[in-house]
């Protein structure tokens, strides 16, 4: 500031000399004025008339100009956190059968795919029945895997957090764990291998039509024609319609319409109340080619399309914090006491937190993640 005043003094002196032809007395007066301002910026000054120091109130103080208001208000007055995004949740629980494993080793499950053979006519007298056969159970093997993420914060960042930015980090970690699991379940049926398995089975397991009342009816009739390994009819029905986020209004219209929404006739809508719609926000697709799936209810008729395995004693995510290795002491040889975790580790002051979870599912080169393909139906949604 004093350097600026010195430059202003020299500029003004030059102006007076060249433009106004100022007298030496006028130039001397200018020098006295600038020296007074400079003295006020230097501190308290001795008053030559009274012999005492000037009061602090008589000194030159910094004034905030109108051009500074925008910065001051934005930085100091309105410093606050804005609420974060509210994320969508994928309610996948009705789609997957929960299972548990005692440890991280693979577990085996055996699934009966067919009943016994039909009885045969033995003749009018002394007919001997032929030996029957039993379809062997299908072996399914899967295991639990660990999933996690670590986050580090410095002690200074936590102490300086006057906005409460880190207050809900534990909740945010829990939401991240839930979101990761949702994406995992979504990939069980949206992966290329699972889709290829259904499309390879033909019209009773897949199509390419966009979501309409007629296409849902086709899917329902496809479930009604499912058979076991002996080609015997089984009880299967479309209970859950899992769809892309871009199909929400289409689904609502189909469910609420008393007549077929896509037709101008008076055809009755017979499928509107037959299924439960579940939006999958993690499903990929570009409008208007939006995919959709149909699934059975695993609690009915013994058909389990998807499974989700967890380890016993680990029903959900855990948030873990590394204990501080610092002790508070009063002497070099005295006993130490634990310090608050916010002080972090001894070397860097880092506070280390991680969130971990454990889950797994059935994985196969041919079936993808479909535990039983008889409980699933797929449409790419590409055909008008």
Protein backbone atom coordinates (compact mmCIF):
# COMPACT_ATOMS: atom_id res chain seq x y z
CA UNK A 1 0.00 0.00 0.00
CA UNK A 2 2.84 2.43 0.87
CA UNK A 3 4.51 1.63 -2.45
CA UNK A 4 1.31 2.53 -4.27
CA UNK A 5 1.11 5.86 -2.39
CA UNK A 6 4.71 6.61 -3.30
CA UNK A 7 3.98 6.02 -6.99
CA UNK A 8 0.86 8.21 -6.80
CA UNK A 9 2.92 11.00 -5.20
CA UNK A 10 5.52 10.90 -7.98
CA UNK A 11 2.84 10.87 -10.71
CA UNK A 12 0.98 13.81 -9.16
CA UNK A 13 4.20 15.79 -8.72
CA UNK A 14 5.05 15.25 -12.38
CA UNK A 15 1.57 16.42 -13.42
CA UNK A 16 1.85 19.61 -11.37
CA UNK A 17 5.28 20.41 -12.75
CA UNK A 18 4.53 19.83 -16.44
CA UNK A 19 0.85 20.77 -16.79
CA UNK A 20 0.19 23.40 -14.13
CA UNK A 21 3.66 24.86 -13.67
CA UNK A 22 3.20 24.61 -9.90
CA UNK A 23 5.28 26.74 -7.56
CA UNK A 24 7.79 25.21 -5.13
CA UNK A 25 5.41 25.99 -2.26
CA UNK A 26 2.62 23.99 -3.98
CA UNK A 27 4.95 21.04 -4.55
CA UNK A 28 6.11 21.18 -0.93
CA UNK A 29 2.48 21.10 0.27
CA UNK A 30 1.87 18.01 -1.88
CA UNK A 31 4.84 16.25 -0.35
CA UNK A 32 3.57 17.00 3.18
CA UNK A 33 0.14 15.56 2.41
CA UNK A 34 1.52 12.29 1.06
CA UNK A 35 3.94 12.00 3.98
CA UNK A 36 0.98 12.37 6.37
CA UNK A 37 -0.90 9.50 4.72
CA UNK A 38 2.25 7.39 4.71
CA UNK A 39 2.79 8.10 8.40
CA UNK A 40 -0.77 7.02 9.22
CA UNK A 41 -0.20 3.68 7.52
CA UNK A 42 2.99 3.16 9.52
CA UNK A 43 1.35 3.14 12.95
CA UNK A 44 0.64 5.55 15.81
CA UNK A 45 2.23 8.97 15.41
CA UNK A 46 3.24 11.57 17.94
CA UNK A 47 1.06 14.69 17.76
CA UNK A 48 3.44 17.69 17.58
CA UNK A 49 0.83 20.06 19.06
CA UNK A 50 -0.19 18.01 22.12
CA UNK A 51 2.88 15.85 22.59
CA UNK A 52 0.79 12.64 22.88
CA UNK A 53 0.18 9.79 20.50
CA UNK A 54 -2.86 9.94 18.27
CA UNK A 55 -5.78 7.70 19.17
CA UNK A 56 -6.15 4.51 17.02
CA UNK A 57 -9.45 5.84 15.70
CA UNK A 58 -7.63 8.73 13.99
CA UNK A 59 -5.58 6.37 11.82
CA UNK A 60 -6.41 5.61 8.22
CA UNK A 61 -8.39 2.35 7.96
CA UNK A 62 -9.06 0.12 4.95
CA UNK A 63 -12.49 0.72 3.39
CA UNK A 64 -14.42 -1.83 1.34
CA UNK A 65 -15.59 -0.43 -1.98
CA UNK A 66 -18.83 -1.40 -3.79
CA UNK A 67 -16.83 -3.45 -6.30
CA UNK A 68 -15.75 -5.73 -3.45
CA UNK A 69 -19.30 -6.62 -2.31
CA UNK A 70 -19.81 -9.51 -4.72
CA UNK A 71 -16.69 -11.29 -3.51
CA UNK A 72 -17.40 -10.62 0.16
CA UNK A 73 -20.99 -11.82 0.08
CA UNK A 74 -20.23 -14.92 -1.98
CA UNK A 75 -17.19 -16.05 -0.02
CA UNK A 76 -18.12 -15.18 3.54
CA UNK A 77 -21.85 -14.56 3.96
CA UNK A 78 -23.25 -17.36 1.77
CA UNK A 79 -20.73 -20.12 2.40
CA UNK A 80 -22.89 -23.23 2.78
CA UNK A 81 -23.37 -26.72 1.39
CA UNK A 82 -25.96 -27.47 -1.29
CA UNK A 83 -27.86 -30.78 -0.93
CA UNK A 84 -26.53 -33.60 -3.10
CA UNK A 85 -28.41 -35.63 -5.67
CA UNK A 86 -31.07 -38.06 -4.54
CA UNK A 87 -30.22 -41.31 -6.26
CA UNK A 88 -32.72 -43.82 -7.57
CA UNK A 89 -32.98 -47.20 -5.91
CA UNK A 90 -33.41 -50.50 -7.70
CA UNK A 91 -35.76 -52.68 -5.63
CA UNK A 92 -34.39 -55.98 -6.88
CA UNK A 93 -35.19 -58.13 -3.83
CA UNK A 94 -38.28 -59.84 -5.31
CA UNK A 95 -36.21 -61.01 -8.29
CA UNK A 96 -33.44 -62.90 -6.50
CA UNK A 97 -33.56 -65.79 -4.08
CA UNK A 98 -31.34 -65.12 -1.05
CA UNK A 99 -28.85 -67.82 -0.08
CA UNK A 100 -26.00 -67.98 2.45
CA UNK A 101 -22.61 -69.67 2.57
CA UNK A 102 -20.60 -70.51 5.71
CA UNK A 103 -17.32 -69.21 4.25
CA UNK A 104 -15.64 -68.13 1.03
CA UNK A 105 -15.40 -71.63 -0.46
CA UNK A 106 -17.75 -72.69 -3.28
CA UNK A 107 -21.08 -74.16 -2.23
CA UNK A 108 -23.07 -76.73 -4.21
CA UNK A 109 -26.79 -76.69 -4.87
CA UNK A 110 -28.68 -79.44 -6.70
CA UNK A 111 -31.79 -78.65 -8.67
CA UNK A 112 -34.40 -81.19 -9.76
CA UNK A 113 -35.34 -80.40 -13.35
CA UNK A 114 -38.06 -83.01 -13.98
CA UNK A 115 -40.41 -85.46 -12.32
CA UNK A 116 -40.69 -89.20 -12.89
CA UNK A 117 -41.85 -90.90 -16.06
CA UNK A 118 -45.51 -91.62 -16.79
CA UNK A 119 -46.97 -94.98 -15.94
CA UNK A 120 -47.36 -97.52 -18.74
CA UNK A 121 -50.20 -99.86 -19.58
CA UNK A 122 -49.37 -103.37 -18.30
CA UNK A 123 -51.93 -105.39 -20.20
CA UNK A 124 -54.96 -107.38 -19.04
CA UNK A 125 -53.06 -109.98 -17.00
CA UNK A 126 -49.63 -110.47 -15.43
CA UNK A 127 -48.10 -107.46 -17.10
CA UNK A 128 -44.63 -106.60 -15.83
CA UNK A 129 -43.72 -102.90 -15.63
CA UNK A 130 -40.58 -101.75 -17.36
CA UNK A 131 -37.88 -100.00 -15.37
CA UNK A 132 -38.23 -96.23 -15.22
CA UNK A 133 -35.53 -93.58 -15.31
CA UNK A 134 -34.84 -90.63 -13.10
CA UNK A 135 -33.49 -87.39 -14.44
CA UNK A 136 -30.37 -86.54 -12.47
CA UNK A 137 -30.39 -83.30 -10.52
CA UNK A 138 -28.43 -80.40 -12.01
CA UNK A 139 -25.46 -79.24 -9.97
CA UNK A 140 -25.08 -75.51 -9.41
CA UNK A 141 -21.96 -74.08 -7.75
CA UNK A 142 -21.26 -70.54 -6.62
CA UNK A 143 -19.37 -68.64 -3.92
CA UNK A 144 -19.08 -65.33 -2.07
CA UNK A 145 -16.61 -62.62 -3.07
CA UNK A 146 -15.48 -59.50 -1.24
CA UNK A 147 -16.16 -56.00 -2.52
CA UNK A 148 -14.80 -52.80 -1.01
CA UNK A 149 -13.46 -49.27 -1.33
CA UNK A 150 -11.06 -47.26 0.86
CA UNK A 151 -11.21 -43.51 1.52
CA UNK A 152 -8.51 -41.36 3.17
CA UNK A 153 -8.91 -37.91 4.70
CA UNK A 154 -6.36 -35.73 6.42
CA UNK A 155 -6.89 -34.64 9.99
CA UNK A 156 -6.67 -31.01 8.89
CA UNK A 157 -9.47 -31.46 6.34
CA UNK A 158 -11.78 -32.94 8.96
CA UNK A 159 -11.01 -30.20 11.49
CA UNK A 160 -11.43 -27.42 8.91
CA UNK A 161 -14.78 -28.77 7.73
CA UNK A 162 -17.02 -25.88 8.78
CA UNK A 163 -19.64 -26.85 6.18
CA UNK A 164 -20.34 -30.33 7.50
CA UNK A 165 -19.19 -31.84 4.21
CA UNK A 166 -17.97 -35.01 5.89
CA UNK A 167 -20.88 -35.39 8.31
CA UNK A 168 -22.85 -37.78 6.09
CA UNK A 169 -19.91 -39.69 4.63
CA UNK A 170 -20.95 -42.85 6.45
CA UNK A 171 -24.39 -42.65 4.83
CA UNK A 172 -22.78 -41.96 1.46
CA UNK A 173 -20.60 -45.07 1.83
CA UNK A 174 -23.66 -47.14 2.63
CA UNK A 175 -25.42 -45.78 -0.45
CA UNK A 176 -22.36 -46.59 -2.57
CA UNK A 177 -22.41 -50.18 -1.30
CA UNK A 178 -26.12 -50.51 -2.07
CA UNK A 179 -25.66 -49.03 -5.54
CA UNK A 180 -22.80 -51.44 -6.28
CA UNK A 181 -24.99 -54.39 -5.30
CA UNK A 182 -27.86 -53.09 -7.44
CA UNK A 183 -25.59 -52.90 -10.48
CA UNK A 184 -24.34 -56.40 -9.76
CA UNK A 185 -27.88 -57.79 -9.71
CA UNK A 186 -28.76 -55.85 -12.87
CA UNK A 187 -25.79 -57.38 -14.68
CA UNK A 188 -26.99 -60.89 -13.76
CA UNK A 189 -29.56 -60.76 -16.54
CA UNK A 190 -28.33 -57.89 -18.76
CA UNK A 191 -24.93 -59.47 -19.48
CA UNK A 192 -24.33 -60.84 -22.97
CA UNK A 193 -24.13 -64.50 -21.92
CA UNK A 194 -27.47 -64.50 -20.11
CA UNK A 195 -29.13 -62.72 -23.05
CA UNK A 196 -27.57 -65.14 -25.56
CA UNK A 197 -28.92 -68.08 -23.56
CA UNK A 198 -32.49 -66.77 -23.71
CA UNK A 199 -32.38 -65.72 -27.36
CA UNK A 200 -30.95 -69.11 -28.29
CA UNK A 201 -33.98 -70.86 -26.76
CA UNK A 202 -36.35 -69.25 -29.24
CA UNK A 203 -39.73 -67.54 -29.16
CA UNK A 204 -40.82 -68.92 -25.79
CA UNK A 205 -37.93 -67.16 -24.08
CA UNK A 206 -37.24 -63.99 -26.04
CA UNK A 207 -38.39 -61.52 -28.66
CA UNK A 208 -37.31 -58.14 -30.03
CA UNK A 209 -40.55 -56.14 -29.75
CA UNK A 210 -40.95 -52.87 -27.92
CA UNK A 211 -43.04 -52.87 -24.79
CA UNK A 212 -46.78 -52.95 -25.56
CA UNK A 213 -49.82 -54.67 -24.13
CA UNK A 214 -49.69 -57.26 -26.93
CA UNK A 215 -45.98 -58.01 -26.31
CA UNK A 216 -46.61 -58.51 -22.59
CA UNK A 217 -49.41 -60.89 -23.50
CA UNK A 218 -46.97 -62.80 -25.72
CA UNK A 219 -44.53 -63.04 -22.82
CA UNK A 220 -47.28 -64.30 -20.48
CA UNK A 221 -48.30 -66.97 -22.95
CA UNK A 222 -44.65 -67.96 -23.37
CA UNK A 223 -44.39 -68.57 -19.62
CA UNK A 224 -47.59 -70.61 -19.74
CA UNK A 225 -45.94 -73.00 -22.22
CA UNK A 226 -42.79 -73.72 -20.22
CA UNK A 227 -41.82 -77.37 -19.77
CA UNK A 228 -39.37 -79.33 -17.64
CA UNK A 229 -36.48 -81.52 -18.78
CA UNK A 230 -38.98 -84.22 -19.85
CA UNK A 231 -41.00 -81.71 -21.84
CA UNK A 232 -43.79 -81.87 -19.32
CA UNK A 233 -45.79 -78.67 -18.68
CA UNK A 234 -44.82 -76.77 -15.55
CA UNK A 235 -46.47 -73.93 -13.68
CA UNK A 236 -44.76 -70.70 -14.68
CA UNK A 237 -46.15 -67.20 -14.90
CA UNK A 238 -44.88 -63.68 -15.51
CA UNK A 239 -44.97 -61.96 -12.11
CA UNK A 240 -42.38 -59.20 -12.47
CA UNK A 241 -41.79 -56.93 -15.45
CA UNK A 242 -38.35 -55.32 -15.17
CA UNK A 243 -37.96 -52.37 -17.49
CA UNK A 244 -35.71 -49.52 -18.55
CA UNK A 245 -36.23 -46.11 -16.89
CA UNK A 246 -37.44 -44.73 -20.20
CA UNK A 247 -40.47 -47.04 -20.12
CA UNK A 248 -42.02 -45.84 -16.86
CA UNK A 249 -44.93 -44.00 -18.51
CA UNK A 250 -45.52 -46.84 -20.94
CA UNK A 251 -45.81 -49.32 -18.08
CA UNK A 252 -48.14 -47.06 -16.09
CA UNK A 253 -50.38 -46.59 -19.12
CA UNK A 254 -50.59 -50.35 -19.71
CA UNK A 255 -51.36 -51.06 -16.06
CA UNK A 256 -54.04 -48.39 -15.71
CA UNK A 257 -55.83 -48.70 -19.05
CA UNK A 258 -59.05 -50.69 -19.11
CA UNK A 259 -58.73 -51.07 -22.87
CA UNK A 260 -55.67 -51.99 -24.90
CA UNK A 261 -53.67 -48.75 -24.92
CA UNK A 262 -52.15 -49.21 -28.39
CA UNK A 263 -55.40 -50.03 -30.23
CA UNK A 264 -58.27 -47.80 -31.26
CA UNK A 265 -60.72 -50.67 -30.79
CA UNK A 266 -62.59 -51.63 -27.63
CA UNK A 267 -60.37 -54.62 -26.90
CA UNK A 268 -60.17 -55.26 -23.16
CA UNK A 269 -56.82 -54.94 -21.46
CA UNK A 270 -56.38 -58.33 -19.78
CA UNK A 271 -52.72 -57.93 -18.74
CA UNK A 272 -52.78 -54.62 -16.83
CA UNK A 273 -53.15 -56.07 -13.35
CA UNK A 274 -51.29 -59.35 -13.85
CA UNK A 275 -47.73 -58.23 -13.12
CA UNK A 276 -45.63 -56.02 -10.84
CA UNK A 277 -43.42 -53.48 -12.57
CA UNK A 278 -39.86 -52.89 -11.33
CA UNK A 279 -37.75 -50.08 -12.76
CA UNK A 280 -34.07 -50.90 -13.24
CA UNK A 281 -32.22 -47.52 -13.36
CA UNK A 282 -28.96 -49.27 -14.22
CA UNK A 283 -30.27 -50.92 -17.38
CA UNK A 284 -28.63 -49.63 -20.56
CA UNK A 285 -30.62 -48.61 -23.61
CA UNK A 286 -31.29 -45.77 -26.03
CA UNK A 287 -34.82 -44.64 -26.86
CA UNK A 288 -36.84 -45.90 -28.60
CA UNK A 289 -35.00 -49.24 -28.45
CA UNK A 290 -35.45 -49.92 -24.74
CA UNK A 291 -35.19 -53.49 -23.39
CA UNK A 292 -37.45 -55.22 -20.86
CA UNK A 293 -37.49 -58.53 -19.00
CA UNK A 294 -40.06 -60.83 -17.47
CA UNK A 295 -39.42 -62.99 -14.38
CA UNK A 296 -41.28 -65.53 -12.31
CA UNK A 297 -41.65 -65.30 -8.56
CA UNK A 298 -39.10 -67.71 -7.08
CA UNK A 299 -41.42 -68.30 -4.14
CA UNK A 300 -43.95 -69.90 -6.46
CA UNK A 301 -43.76 -73.15 -8.44
CA UNK A 302 -40.09 -73.85 -7.57
CA UNK A 303 -38.57 -71.81 -10.42
CA UNK A 304 -35.60 -69.68 -9.33
CA UNK A 305 -34.29 -67.46 -12.13
CA UNK A 306 -31.63 -65.63 -10.06
CA UNK A 307 -29.83 -66.17 -6.76
CA UNK A 308 -27.84 -63.84 -4.52
CA UNK A 309 -25.37 -65.45 -2.15
CA UNK A 310 -24.09 -63.87 1.07
CA UNK A 311 -21.81 -65.11 3.81
CA UNK A 312 -23.31 -66.02 7.16
CA UNK A 313 -22.82 -63.19 9.64
CA UNK A 314 -22.42 -60.62 6.86
CA UNK A 315 -25.95 -59.59 5.87
CA UNK A 316 -24.94 -56.13 4.67
CA UNK A 317 -22.06 -53.68 4.19
CA UNK A 318 -19.69 -52.71 7.00
CA UNK A 319 -17.87 -49.40 7.46
CA UNK A 320 -14.47 -49.85 9.06
CA UNK A 321 -12.04 -47.25 10.39
CA UNK A 322 -8.33 -47.78 10.97
CA UNK A 323 -7.47 -47.21 14.63
CA UNK A 324 -5.05 -44.38 15.32
CA UNK A 325 -1.52 -45.47 16.24
CA UNK A 326 -0.94 -42.29 18.26
CA UNK A 327 -0.73 -42.08 22.06
CA UNK A 328 -1.01 -39.01 24.25
CA UNK A 329 1.77 -38.90 26.87
CA UNK A 330 2.84 -36.56 29.63
CA UNK A 331 6.42 -37.82 29.76
CA UNK A 332 8.73 -39.79 27.53
CA UNK A 333 8.68 -42.86 29.79
CA UNK A 334 5.16 -42.54 31.18
CA UNK A 335 2.11 -44.50 30.17
CA UNK A 336 0.20 -43.35 27.10
CA UNK A 337 -3.50 -42.79 26.48
CA UNK A 338 -5.57 -43.24 23.34
CA UNK A 339 -6.34 -40.16 21.30
CA UNK A 340 -9.47 -39.33 19.25
CA UNK A 341 -9.56 -41.16 15.89
CA UNK A 342 -9.73 -37.82 14.08
CA UNK A 343 -5.98 -37.41 14.70
CA UNK A 344 -5.33 -40.22 12.22
CA UNK A 345 -2.04 -42.07 11.95
CA UNK A 346 1.26 -40.99 13.47
CA UNK A 347 3.15 -40.45 10.22
CA UNK A 348 0.75 -38.37 8.12
CA UNK A 349 -2.38 -37.67 10.18
CA UNK A 350 -4.53 -39.57 7.66
CA UNK A 351 -7.90 -40.93 8.76
CA UNK A 352 -8.49 -44.15 6.82
CA UNK A 353 -12.00 -45.57 6.37
CA UNK A 354 -13.22 -48.37 4.13
CA UNK A 355 -16.57 -49.90 3.28
CA UNK A 356 -16.75 -53.62 2.54
CA UNK A 357 -19.48 -56.01 1.52
CA UNK A 358 -19.69 -59.63 0.41
CA UNK A 359 -21.89 -61.28 -2.18
CA UNK A 360 -21.85 -63.66 -5.12
CA UNK A 361 -24.08 -65.49 -7.58
CA UNK A 362 -24.16 -68.38 -10.02
CA UNK A 363 -21.74 -67.97 -12.94
CA UNK A 364 -21.62 -70.24 -15.98
CA UNK A 365 -20.13 -69.99 -19.47
CA UNK A 366 -23.39 -71.11 -21.12
CA UNK A 367 -26.12 -70.01 -18.72
CA UNK A 368 -24.57 -66.69 -17.75
CA UNK A 369 -26.01 -65.86 -14.32
CA UNK A 370 -29.38 -67.53 -14.90
CA UNK A 371 -29.80 -70.11 -12.17
CA UNK A 372 -32.87 -71.42 -14.03
CA UNK A 373 -33.59 -69.95 -17.46
CA UNK A 374 -37.19 -71.21 -17.27
CA UNK A 375 -37.94 -68.28 -14.99
CA UNK A 376 -36.82 -65.51 -17.35
CA UNK A 377 -37.94 -63.80 -20.57
CA UNK A 378 -36.12 -61.11 -22.58
CA UNK A 379 -36.97 -58.52 -25.21
CA UNK A 380 -34.43 -56.22 -26.83
CA UNK A 381 -37.17 -53.66 -27.55
CA UNK A 382 -35.81 -52.91 -31.01
CA UNK A 383 -38.80 -53.80 -33.21
CA UNK A 384 -41.70 -51.32 -33.43
